[in-house]
Amino acid sequence: MSCAKNVTLRFRDGKTTSVAVQKGESVLDAALAAGIPIIHQCRSGSCSSCMAKLVAGRAIMRAGASSTLMKSEYDSGDRLLCLCEPESDCTLDLNYASDAGESKAATVHAFVDSIEKIASNVVRLRLELAEGAWMAFKPGQFIQIRVPGTEVTRSYSPASTSNDLPKIELLIRLLEDGVMSHWLENEAQPDDILEIEGPFGSFFLREKVNAPHIMVAGGTGLAPILSMIDTLRRQSGRKPPVLLSFGCATPEQLFCLDDIDLRQQWIPSLSSRISVDSGAHGALLAGNPVDALRADEFIAPTAVAYLCGPPRMIEAATQKLVNLGLRPENIYAEQFAPSK
């Protein structure tokens, strides 16, 4: 007698498919074996790329496995498909279209164009793909870079867009004793060659959405948000209202403020709020980017939100937006956490 459970996968564009998942097998492994294009990357629970929402039936996370999934997310039905094992026939919703996972990651080389320290703890790294190399990505997705001279890789979301290729711009937080940070501060030189791989991730701009956009960024979580804003700017037709709430711990850690001002000139419907946890002065708001969200101005059930930053910021912003009336399925998030 078969122990397989029937798992129905429902995509955002309305397409539905089913796969038989054997006992001890993850939903992701079964789906990929069946040729279903699920967005994924690490396959170990550490990147959240394969997030889905359990809407019917029972499915647990593999016993003993560690993951980036917060308890509140699990309790609300979120599951990482790489660690998800069904206990009954069940249905899982995927918050992207059925063709979003069809593009494959590529490994290419890129040259360092420039390294510029733009805040007390942030570097802007500009790259250019090698001749003949290509790596199209959706605004919000991330790439992996192998740190020269090591087997260590680090993940970063471009602040640029696919339209800027072969140029790629990254905003990288400097960490004490960080492997990439050490290379950037002590060894990196223009024309150095880097091995990069990607794109990865299910956090990306859902294009051609006319509803208001709410974008919340903490620290270098601003990078994918800038990519999204630039993509919106290049879209034809009327631009949706966009609110950007960006914050860092102190004024010395802020960066790209001129870039944000320039984008507000390009997109009249874009407004911004800049916050710092301490040392606020002038137009800077005291507090964090979540505190700057107010209920009386933009929240509508049809609005979409993009959140990128530390896990606690993501959790707080998600809870506040839901409490203000935003539909949970219209909230897209990516946690930016320092590598161990």
Protein backbone atom coordinates (compact mmCIF):
# COMPACT_ATOMS: atom_id res chain seq x y z
CA MET A 1 0.00 0.00 0.00
CA SER A 2 1.45 3.38 -1.02
CA CYS A 3 2.29 5.91 1.71
CA ALA A 4 2.42 8.76 -0.80
CA LYS A 5 0.41 11.90 -0.12
CA ASN A 6 -1.10 13.98 -2.89
CA VAL A 7 0.12 17.58 -2.69
CA THR A 8 -1.64 20.25 -4.75
CA LEU A 9 0.44 23.30 -5.66
CA ARG A 10 -1.45 26.46 -6.60
CA PHE A 11 0.41 29.31 -8.35
CA ARG A 12 -0.49 33.00 -8.19
CA ASP A 13 -1.60 33.04 -11.85
CA GLY A 14 -4.29 30.43 -11.12
CA LYS A 15 -2.47 27.39 -12.48
CA THR A 16 -2.64 24.26 -10.35
CA THR A 17 -0.62 21.07 -10.39
CA SER A 18 -0.33 18.02 -8.14
CA VAL A 19 2.52 15.76 -7.13
CA ALA A 20 2.75 12.51 -5.15
CA VAL A 21 5.14 12.89 -2.21
CA GLN A 22 6.52 9.71 -0.69
CA LYS A 23 7.04 9.24 3.06
CA GLY A 24 10.29 10.92 4.11
CA GLU A 25 10.48 12.94 0.87
CA SER A 26 10.24 16.72 0.81
CA VAL A 27 7.65 18.49 -1.30
CA LEU A 28 10.44 20.33 -3.12
CA ASP A 29 12.29 17.15 -4.07
CA ALA A 30 9.10 15.53 -5.33
CA ALA A 31 8.11 18.64 -7.30
CA LEU A 32 11.50 19.04 -8.96
CA ALA A 33 11.61 15.34 -9.84
CA ALA A 34 8.23 15.82 -11.52
CA GLY A 35 9.50 18.80 -13.51
CA ILE A 36 7.47 21.42 -11.62
CA PRO A 37 9.38 24.77 -11.68
CA ILE A 38 9.58 25.67 -7.99
CA ILE A 39 11.81 28.60 -7.06
CA HIS A 40 14.54 27.31 -4.75
CA GLN A 41 18.20 27.65 -3.93
CA CYS A 42 19.88 26.21 -0.82
CA ARG A 43 17.61 23.14 -0.31
CA SER A 44 18.55 23.20 3.38
CA GLY A 45 16.11 25.69 4.94
CA SER A 46 18.53 28.59 5.18
CA CYS A 47 17.42 30.88 2.33
CA SER A 48 13.56 30.90 2.35
CA SER A 49 13.43 30.85 -1.47
CA CYS A 50 11.00 27.92 -1.53
CA MET A 51 8.41 29.45 0.82
CA ALA A 52 4.77 28.39 0.35
CA LYS A 53 1.55 28.73 2.33
CA LEU A 54 -0.29 25.66 3.63
CA VAL A 55 -4.01 26.26 3.02
CA ALA A 56 -5.47 22.77 3.42
CA GLY A 57 -4.36 19.50 5.00
CA ARG A 58 -1.40 18.84 7.28
CA ALA A 59 2.28 19.29 6.50
CA ILE A 60 5.17 19.61 8.94
CA MET A 61 8.77 20.73 8.75
CA ARG A 62 11.31 17.88 8.79
CA ALA A 63 12.16 16.87 12.36
CA GLY A 64 15.49 18.15 13.60
CA ALA A 65 16.00 20.54 10.68
CA SER A 66 16.90 24.17 11.29
CA SER A 67 15.48 26.91 9.11
CA THR A 68 14.99 30.65 8.78
CA LEU A 69 11.24 30.24 9.32
CA MET A 70 9.96 32.12 12.36
CA LYS A 71 7.42 30.49 14.68
CA SER A 72 4.84 33.13 13.82
CA GLU A 73 5.30 32.33 10.11
CA TYR A 74 4.95 28.59 10.71
CA ASP A 75 1.85 29.11 12.84
CA SER A 76 0.28 31.17 10.04
CA GLY A 77 0.84 28.32 7.55
CA ASP A 78 4.17 29.18 5.97
CA ARG A 79 6.29 26.20 4.96
CA LEU A 80 9.71 25.83 3.34
CA LEU A 81 9.17 23.19 0.68
CA CYS A 82 12.73 21.85 0.97
CA LEU A 83 11.93 20.74 4.55
CA CYS A 84 8.18 20.25 4.18
CA GLU A 85 6.77 16.73 4.56
CA PRO A 86 3.00 16.16 4.16
CA GLU A 87 1.13 14.21 6.83
CA SER A 88 -2.03 14.11 4.70
CA ASP A 89 -3.15 15.17 1.25
CA CYS A 90 -2.71 18.93 1.30
CA THR A 91 -2.71 22.15 -0.71
CA LEU A 92 0.06 24.74 -0.79
CA ASP A 93 -0.12 28.20 -2.35
CA LEU A 94 2.93 29.69 -4.08
CA ASN A 95 3.03 33.49 -4.22
CA TYR A 96 4.37 33.72 -7.79
CA ALA A 97 3.31 32.79 -11.30
CA SER A 98 3.77 29.27 -12.65
CA ASP A 99 6.56 30.33 -15.00
CA ALA A 100 8.59 32.32 -12.44
CA GLY A 101 10.81 29.37 -11.54
CA GLU A 102 11.69 28.40 -15.09
CA SER A 103 14.85 30.54 -15.38
CA LYS A 104 17.98 28.66 -14.35
CA ALA A 105 20.87 29.99 -12.31
CA ALA A 106 24.15 30.52 -14.17
CA THR A 107 27.74 30.72 -12.96
CA VAL A 108 29.70 33.52 -14.64
CA HIS A 109 32.67 35.80 -14.06
CA ALA A 110 32.63 39.52 -13.45
CA PHE A 111 35.28 42.23 -13.14
CA VAL A 112 35.39 44.70 -10.27
CA ASP A 113 34.77 48.21 -11.62
CA SER A 114 34.96 50.11 -8.33
CA ILE A 115 34.81 49.80 -4.56
CA GLU A 116 33.45 52.82 -2.70
CA LYS A 117 32.72 53.21 1.01
CA ILE A 118 29.45 55.14 1.14
CA ALA A 119 28.66 54.93 4.89
CA SER A 120 30.46 53.99 8.08
CA ASN A 121 29.63 50.32 7.47
CA VAL A 122 28.52 50.06 3.82
CA VAL A 123 30.45 49.60 0.58
CA ARG A 124 29.12 50.08 -2.95
CA LEU A 125 30.66 47.42 -5.19
CA ARG A 126 30.25 47.90 -8.93
CA LEU A 127 30.87 44.92 -11.22
CA GLU A 128 30.83 44.28 -14.95
CA LEU A 129 30.08 40.85 -16.40
CA ALA A 130 32.87 39.29 -18.44
CA GLU A 131 32.58 39.31 -22.23
CA GLY A 132 29.93 36.83 -23.35
CA ALA A 133 28.54 36.28 -19.85
CA TRP A 134 24.92 36.98 -18.99
CA MET A 135 22.77 36.79 -15.87
CA ALA A 136 19.28 38.22 -16.19
CA PHE A 137 17.49 38.65 -12.86
CA LYS A 138 14.21 39.94 -11.55
CA PRO A 139 14.39 43.09 -9.39
CA GLY A 140 14.70 41.82 -5.82
CA GLN A 141 16.42 38.50 -6.52
CA PHE A 142 19.94 37.82 -5.25
CA ILE A 143 23.23 36.49 -6.53
CA GLN A 144 26.02 34.62 -4.79
CA ILE A 145 29.66 35.72 -4.90
CA ARG A 146 32.61 33.48 -4.12
CA VAL A 147 35.04 35.42 -1.93
CA PRO A 148 38.38 35.39 -3.77
CA GLY A 149 40.92 32.97 -2.33
CA THR A 150 38.28 31.04 -0.37
CA GLU A 151 35.49 28.53 -0.84
CA VAL A 152 33.10 30.89 0.97
CA THR A 153 30.10 32.39 -0.84
CA ARG A 154 27.98 35.36 0.18
CA SER A 155 24.57 36.43 -1.11
CA TYR A 156 23.63 39.96 -2.23
CA SER A 157 20.70 41.50 -4.06
CA PRO A 158 21.67 43.93 -6.84
CA ALA A 159 20.66 47.56 -6.42
CA SER A 160 20.74 47.76 -10.22
CA THR A 161 18.37 46.12 -12.73
CA SER A 162 18.71 43.73 -15.65
CA ASN A 163 18.47 46.78 -17.92
CA ASP A 164 21.81 47.94 -16.49
CA LEU A 165 23.65 44.74 -17.48
CA PRO A 166 26.48 44.01 -18.00
CA LYS A 167 26.91 46.41 -15.05
CA ILE A 168 25.84 45.20 -11.60
CA GLU A 169 25.76 47.35 -8.46
CA LEU A 170 25.79 45.85 -4.96
CA LEU A 171 25.44 47.47 -1.52
CA ILE A 172 27.36 45.42 1.03
CA ARG A 173 27.35 45.82 4.80
CA LEU A 174 30.80 45.64 6.38
CA LEU A 175 30.98 43.22 9.30
CA GLU A 176 33.71 42.91 11.88
CA ASP A 177 35.73 39.77 11.05
CA GLY A 178 33.52 39.16 7.98
CA VAL A 179 35.26 37.20 5.21
CA MET A 180 33.84 39.36 2.42
CA SER A 181 34.31 42.51 4.50
CA HIS A 182 38.00 41.73 4.99
CA TRP A 183 38.47 41.23 1.26
CA LEU A 184 36.65 44.45 0.38
CA GLU A 185 38.54 46.58 2.90
CA ASN A 186 42.03 45.11 2.48
CA GLU A 187 42.43 43.30 -0.83
CA ALA A 188 39.83 44.21 -3.46
CA GLN A 189 41.10 46.15 -6.47
CA PRO A 190 39.55 47.29 -9.77
CA ASP A 191 39.78 44.58 -12.45
CA ASP A 192 39.78 41.76 -9.89
CA ILE A 193 37.78 38.80 -11.20
CA LEU A 194 34.87 37.39 -9.21
CA GLU A 195 32.88 34.21 -9.70
CA ILE A 196 29.17 34.88 -9.30
CA GLU A 197 26.12 32.63 -9.52
CA GLY A 198 22.43 33.36 -9.81
CA PRO A 199 19.81 34.56 -9.85
CA PHE A 200 18.08 33.05 -6.84
CA GLY A 201 15.05 33.84 -4.69
CA SER A 202 11.29 34.29 -4.78
CA PHE A 203 11.47 37.89 -3.52
CA PHE A 204 10.99 40.00 -6.62
CA LEU A 205 8.80 42.78 -7.95
CA ARG A 206 5.39 41.73 -9.23
CA GLU A 207 5.24 43.95 -12.26
CA LYS A 208 2.21 45.71 -13.75
CA VAL A 209 0.46 46.06 -10.39
CA ASN A 210 -1.37 49.40 -10.30
CA ALA A 211 -2.12 49.34 -6.57
CA PRO A 212 -0.14 51.45 -4.06
CA HIS A 213 3.33 50.06 -3.26
CA ILE A 214 4.77 50.11 0.28
CA MET A 215 8.50 49.47 0.51
CA VAL A 216 10.25 49.03 3.84
CA ALA A 217 14.03 48.68 3.96
CA GLY A 218 16.46 48.30 6.82
CA GLY A 219 20.18 48.82 6.15
CA THR A 220 21.44 47.18 2.96
CA GLY A 221 17.94 45.78 2.48
CA LEU A 222 17.62 49.01 0.49
CA ALA A 223 19.48 47.42 -2.46
CA PRO A 224 16.67 45.27 -3.91
CA ILE A 225 14.17 48.03 -3.16
CA LEU A 226 16.15 50.47 -5.34
CA SER A 227 16.16 47.86 -8.11
CA MET A 228 12.38 47.58 -7.83
CA ILE A 229 11.87 51.35 -7.87
CA ASP A 230 14.05 51.71 -10.97
CA THR A 231 12.06 48.95 -12.67
CA LEU A 232 8.81 50.74 -11.87
CA ARG A 233 10.27 53.95 -13.30
CA ARG A 234 11.00 52.25 -16.62
CA GLN A 235 7.51 50.77 -16.95
CA SER A 236 5.21 52.47 -19.40
CA GLY A 237 2.02 54.12 -18.26
CA ARG A 238 1.02 55.79 -15.05
CA LYS A 239 3.15 54.92 -12.02
CA PRO A 240 1.48 53.64 -8.83
CA PRO A 241 1.88 55.58 -5.57
CA VAL A 242 5.05 54.32 -3.85
CA LEU A 243 6.06 54.89 -0.23
CA LEU A 244 9.65 54.05 0.71
CA SER A 245 10.46 53.82 4.41
CA PHE A 246 14.20 53.33 4.95
CA GLY A 247 16.21 53.30 8.13
CA CYS A 248 19.55 52.58 9.79
CA ALA A 249 20.80 52.64 13.37
CA THR A 250 22.54 56.05 13.21
CA PRO A 251 22.93 58.93 10.74
CA GLU A 252 26.51 57.80 10.02
CA GLN A 253 25.17 54.48 8.74
CA LEU A 254 22.74 56.03 6.25
CA PHE A 255 23.59 55.86 2.55
CA CYS A 256 22.11 56.44 -0.92
CA LEU A 257 20.02 59.40 0.27
CA ASP A 258 20.93 61.34 -2.88
CA ASP A 259 19.88 58.32 -4.95
CA ILE A 260 16.52 58.29 -3.20
CA ASP A 261 16.06 62.05 -3.76
CA LEU A 262 16.86 61.62 -7.46
CA ARG A 263 14.27 58.87 -7.82
CA GLN A 264 11.65 61.10 -6.22
CA GLN A 265 12.33 63.61 -8.98
CA TRP A 266 11.97 60.89 -11.59
CA ILE A 267 8.78 59.46 -10.07
CA PRO A 268 6.46 62.15 -8.65
CA SER A 269 4.31 59.44 -7.06
CA LEU A 270 7.28 58.25 -4.93
CA SER A 271 7.61 59.57 -1.38
CA SER A 272 10.18 58.59 1.22
CA ARG A 273 10.77 58.54 4.95
CA ILE A 274 14.23 58.18 6.43
CA SER A 275 14.61 56.96 10.01
CA VAL A 276 17.41 56.36 12.50
CA ASP A 277 17.23 54.55 15.83
CA SER A 278 19.30 57.27 17.51
CA GLY A 279 20.71 60.67 16.66
CA ALA A 280 17.80 61.92 14.56
CA HIS A 281 18.05 65.52 13.40
CA GLY A 282 16.62 67.72 10.67
CA ALA A 283 14.27 65.74 8.42
CA LEU A 284 15.34 62.39 9.87
CA LEU A 285 12.66 60.54 11.82
CA ALA A 286 13.40 59.00 15.21
CA GLY A 287 12.73 55.28 15.31
CA ASN A 288 12.79 52.49 12.77
CA PRO A 289 11.23 52.16 9.30
CA VAL A 290 8.23 50.31 10.72
CA ASP A 291 7.46 53.14 13.15
CA ALA A 292 7.23 55.50 10.16
CA LEU A 293 4.28 53.60 8.66
CA ARG A 294 1.03 55.43 9.42
CA ALA A 295 -2.48 54.12 9.07
CA ASP A 296 -4.13 57.20 7.65
CA GLU A 297 -2.48 57.53 4.28
CA PHE A 298 -1.95 54.51 2.07
CA ILE A 299 -3.24 51.26 3.50
CA ALA A 300 -5.77 49.59 1.22
CA PRO A 301 -6.52 45.87 0.90
CA THR A 302 -5.20 45.88 -2.66
CA ALA A 303 -1.86 47.54 -1.80
CA VAL A 304 1.34 45.51 -2.14
CA ALA A 305 4.29 45.64 0.25
CA TYR A 306 7.94 44.71 -0.19
CA LEU A 307 9.98 44.32 2.98
CA CYS A 308 13.73 43.76 3.14
CA GLY A 309 15.91 43.93 6.23
CA PRO A 310 16.65 42.21 9.52
CA PRO A 311 14.28 39.40 10.62
CA ARG A 312 12.81 41.39 13.53
CA MET A 313 12.01 44.30 11.21
CA ILE A 314 10.32 41.94 8.75
CA GLU A 315 8.19 40.40 11.47
CA ALA A 316 7.20 43.78 12.95
CA ALA A 317 6.41 45.30 9.55
CA THR A 318 4.34 42.30 8.48
CA GLN A 319 2.31 42.38 11.68
CA LYS A 320 1.72 46.12 11.46
CA LEU A 321 0.66 46.06 7.81
CA VAL A 322 -1.75 43.16 8.40
CA ASN A 323 -3.20 44.99 11.41
CA LEU A 324 -3.67 48.05 9.18
CA GLY A 325 -5.67 46.00 6.69
CA LEU A 326 -3.16 44.78 4.10
CA ARG A 327 -3.79 41.32 2.74
CA PRO A 328 -1.07 38.90 3.95
CA GLU A 329 -0.69 37.43 0.45
CA ASN A 330 0.22 40.92 -0.84
CA ILE A 331 3.24 41.17 1.47
CA TYR A 332 6.57 40.02 0.03
CA ALA A 333 9.60 39.83 2.29
CA GLU A 334 13.31 39.01 2.24
CA GLN A 335 15.37 38.74 5.40
CA PHE A 336 18.86 40.26 5.28
CA ALA A 337 20.86 38.61 8.04
CA PRO A 338 24.67 38.65 8.56
CA SER A 339 26.38 35.43 7.50
CA LYS A 340 27.78 33.32 10.30
